[in-house]
Protein backbone atom coordinates (compact mmCIF):
# COMPACT_ATOMS: atom_id res chain seq x y z
CA CYS A 1 -4.08 16.60 8.22
CA ASP A 2 -3.56 12.83 7.93
CA GLU A 3 -0.41 13.33 5.84
CA ALA A 4 1.07 15.84 8.35
CA GLU A 5 0.38 13.42 11.20
CA GLU A 6 1.98 10.54 9.28
CA ASN A 7 5.08 12.64 8.49
CA ASN A 8 5.72 13.08 12.24
CA LEU A 9 5.66 9.36 13.08
CA ASP A 10 8.85 7.38 13.69
CA ILE A 11 9.77 4.59 11.26
CA LYS A 12 8.34 1.81 13.45
CA ALA A 13 4.99 3.59 13.76
CA LYS A 14 4.94 4.34 10.01
CA THR A 15 5.62 0.69 9.20
CA GLU A 16 2.88 -0.54 11.54
CA ARG A 17 0.43 1.95 10.11
CA PHE A 18 1.33 1.06 6.54
CA ARG A 19 0.71 -2.65 7.22
CA ARG A 20 -3.04 -1.92 7.17
CA TRP A 21 -2.87 -2.14 3.38
CA ASP A 22 -1.76 -5.77 3.24
CA THR A 23 -2.42 -7.39 6.65
CA CYS A 24 -5.64 -7.77 8.69
CA SER A 25 -5.27 -6.10 12.05
CA LEU A 26 -7.59 -8.67 13.70
CA CYS A 27 -6.20 -12.01 12.56
CA GLU A 28 -2.81 -10.72 11.28
CA GLN A 29 -3.14 -12.66 8.03
CA ARG A 30 -2.21 -11.13 4.72
CA TYR A 31 -5.01 -10.16 2.36
CA HIS A 32 -5.19 -12.06 -0.92
CA GLY A 33 -7.01 -12.13 -4.24
CA VAL A 34 -9.39 -9.32 -5.13
CA VAL A 35 -9.32 -7.88 -1.61
CA SER A 36 -5.56 -7.41 -1.91
CA CYS A 37 -6.10 -5.77 -5.34
CA ALA A 38 -8.78 -3.42 -4.01
CA LEU A 39 -6.63 -2.40 -1.06
CA GLY A 40 -3.69 -1.95 -3.40
CA TRP A 41 -5.64 0.58 -5.44
CA ALA A 42 -6.85 2.32 -2.25
CA CYS A 43 -3.29 2.50 -0.96
CA TRP A 44 -1.99 3.94 -4.27
CA LYS A 45 -4.80 6.49 -4.42
CA THR A 46 -3.95 7.55 -0.87
CA TYR A 47 -0.30 8.28 -1.63
CA VAL A 48 -0.22 9.14 -5.36
CA GLY A 49 -0.72 12.87 -4.69
CA ARG A 50 2.44 13.15 -2.64
CA PRO A 51 5.75 14.30 -4.08
CA GLU A 52 7.64 11.64 -6.09
CA ARG A 53 10.41 11.54 -3.43
CA ASP A 54 7.96 10.92 -0.58
CA GLN A 55 9.09 7.90 1.41
CA LEU A 56 5.72 6.17 1.29
CA ARG A 57 4.88 6.68 -2.36
CA ARG A 58 7.13 3.86 -3.67
CA PRO A 59 5.89 1.32 -1.11
CA ALA A 60 2.35 2.26 -2.07
CA MET A 61 3.16 1.41 -5.64
CA GLY A 62 4.52 -1.94 -4.44
CA VAL A 63 1.28 -2.67 -2.58
CA LEU A 64 -0.62 -1.92 -5.81
CA GLY A 65 1.65 -4.18 -7.84
CA ASN A 66 1.36 -6.99 -5.33
CA GLY A 67 -2.42 -6.57 -5.20
CA LEU A 68 -2.69 -6.75 -8.96
CA ALA A 69 -0.60 -9.91 -9.01
CA GLU A 70 -2.70 -11.46 -6.24
CA ALA A 71 -5.80 -10.87 -8.35
CA GLU A 72 -4.01 -12.44 -11.35
CA HIS A 73 -3.70 -9.18 -13.29
CA HIS A 74 -0.12 -10.09 -14.08
CA GLU A 75 0.44 -7.81 -17.08
CA ASP A 76 -0.86 -4.80 -15.13
CA ALA A 77 1.26 -5.80 -12.14
CA LEU A 78 4.42 -5.90 -14.29
CA SER A 79 3.86 -2.34 -15.48
CA VAL A 80 3.59 -1.14 -11.87
CA GLU A 81 6.41 -3.15 -10.28
């Protein structure tokens, strides 16, 4: 249901919705450290089941890689990015 709804959004709405994984909606600051890492994993788990050509799967992998780097898991981040 959530995936079908997201597929019908225009690019601006998709971008705004995707920002929830790296930016606080209240203060509009980017997450950092272990919070960024945890949200990176949550983002990846949300989109990993989609087809490889899905337009949000690759950005989800980027959020994971950035989160790993933020939490100083640099070797793991390199294997994702």
